[in-house]
Structures are given as C-alpha cells and as structure tokens.
Amino acid sequence: MLQMRPGCECCDRDLPPDSPDARICTFECTFCADCVDNVLHDVCPNCGGGFAPRPRRPANKLAKFPAQTERVHNPAGCGKA
C-alpha cells in the first residue's frame, strides 16, 4: 500500500491524499508537480528515477487506510539551500 506522504520533499507544499499535483518515483519519494517539472526536471534526486502521478486513495478507504502523517523535507537534496 502506498504511504501517501503528506508533502513535497523539496518545497514542503501540502499534498493531501486527493491532490492531483502529487508525483512519486518507484521508491515513493514524493514531490509536487511544480518541483518535478521546474526544479528536478523529472529526475528523482534520491534514486535517479522518473516520476508518475500519485494515485488518489478513495475517500471511503482513507478512514481504514490513512495517509502517512510524517513529513519528509530535504530542500538540500533538491539543489536548494
């Protein structure tokens, strides 16, 4: 089951479970579409892979299978200070 991380690892933008702007790599590194397109240029800084839109978890499943709450924020890994 996907972790559904709550924010972008670069800019820390909120990415709720139903966000159409969430992107993930095969290791579930999570970034917003803006950072993937304009900062990372579709290359994950952690694994070197590409990105795909993160699937949205249906609202009726979120109660039993909630999204992760722990944030991963590493702007230095995205070329930011």
Protein backbone atom coordinates (compact mmCIF):
# COMPACT_ATOMS: atom_id res chain seq x y z
CA MET A 1 0.00 0.00 0.00
CA LEU A 2 1.31 3.47 -0.86
CA GLN A 3 2.49 5.61 2.03
CA MET A 4 0.74 8.70 0.64
CA ARG A 5 3.30 11.13 2.07
CA PRO A 6 1.74 14.47 3.05
CA GLY A 7 4.12 16.97 1.43
CA CYS A 8 6.68 17.76 -1.25
CA GLU A 9 10.21 16.78 -0.25
CA CYS A 10 11.61 19.92 -1.96
CA CYS A 11 9.29 22.82 -1.13
CA ASP A 12 7.21 21.21 1.67
CA ARG A 13 3.96 22.06 -0.12
CA ASP A 14 0.99 20.16 1.29
CA LEU A 15 -0.05 17.19 -0.86
CA PRO A 16 -3.24 15.73 0.61
CA PRO A 17 -4.28 12.20 -0.46
CA ASP A 18 -6.59 13.56 -3.17
CA SER A 19 -4.05 16.00 -4.65
CA PRO A 20 -3.73 15.81 -8.45
CA ASP A 21 -0.34 17.56 -8.12
CA ALA A 22 1.48 14.79 -6.22
CA ARG A 23 4.20 12.91 -8.07
CA ILE A 24 6.05 9.79 -6.89
CA CYS A 25 9.01 7.72 -8.05
CA THR A 26 9.27 3.94 -7.71
CA PHE A 27 10.58 4.38 -4.13
CA GLU A 28 7.60 6.61 -3.24
CA CYS A 29 9.71 9.75 -2.97
CA THR A 30 7.02 12.41 -3.14
CA PHE A 31 7.19 15.81 -4.81
CA CYS A 32 4.74 18.37 -6.19
CA ALA A 33 4.29 18.67 -9.95
CA ASP A 34 5.89 22.13 -9.95
CA CYS A 35 9.14 20.88 -8.35
CA VAL A 36 9.22 17.79 -10.61
CA ASP A 37 8.83 19.92 -13.74
CA ASN A 38 10.83 23.04 -12.87
CA VAL A 39 13.44 22.01 -10.28
CA LEU A 40 14.07 18.29 -10.72
CA HIS A 41 13.35 18.04 -14.46
CA ASP A 42 11.66 14.63 -13.94
CA VAL A 43 14.69 13.01 -12.23
CA CYS A 44 14.35 11.92 -8.61
CA PRO A 45 17.28 13.34 -6.58
CA ASN A 46 17.15 10.30 -4.28
CA CYS A 47 17.10 7.38 -6.70
CA GLY A 48 17.62 8.86 -10.18
CA GLY A 49 14.30 7.52 -11.48
CA GLY A 50 11.43 9.34 -13.13
CA PHE A 51 8.04 10.29 -11.73
CA ALA A 52 4.40 9.40 -12.24
CA PRO A 53 1.23 10.97 -10.87
CA ARG A 54 0.47 9.53 -7.44
CA PRO A 55 -2.77 7.54 -7.45
CA ARG A 56 -5.51 9.01 -5.32
CA ARG A 57 -6.87 6.90 -2.48
CA PRO A 58 -10.68 6.86 -2.48
CA ALA A 59 -12.18 8.84 0.41
CA ASN A 60 -14.07 5.78 1.66
CA LYS A 61 -10.74 3.95 2.16
CA LEU A 62 -8.88 6.77 3.95
CA ALA A 63 -10.53 6.05 7.32
CA LYS A 64 -9.28 2.47 7.38
CA PHE A 65 -6.06 3.12 5.45
CA PRO A 66 -4.98 6.69 6.34
CA ALA A 67 -2.27 8.61 4.58
CA GLN A 68 1.11 8.93 6.27
CA THR A 69 1.48 11.95 8.56
CA GLU A 70 5.29 12.07 8.88
CA ARG A 71 6.73 14.69 6.54
CA VAL A 72 9.97 14.25 4.58
CA HIS A 73 11.50 17.64 3.72
CA ASN A 74 15.00 17.80 2.28
CA PRO A 75 15.47 21.01 0.26
CA ALA A 76 19.25 20.49 0.15
CA GLY A 77 18.67 17.30 -1.85
CA CYS A 78 16.81 19.34 -4.45
CA GLY A 79 19.57 21.85 -5.05
CA LYS A 80 18.08 24.35 -2.61
CA ALA A 81 19.87 25.80 0.42
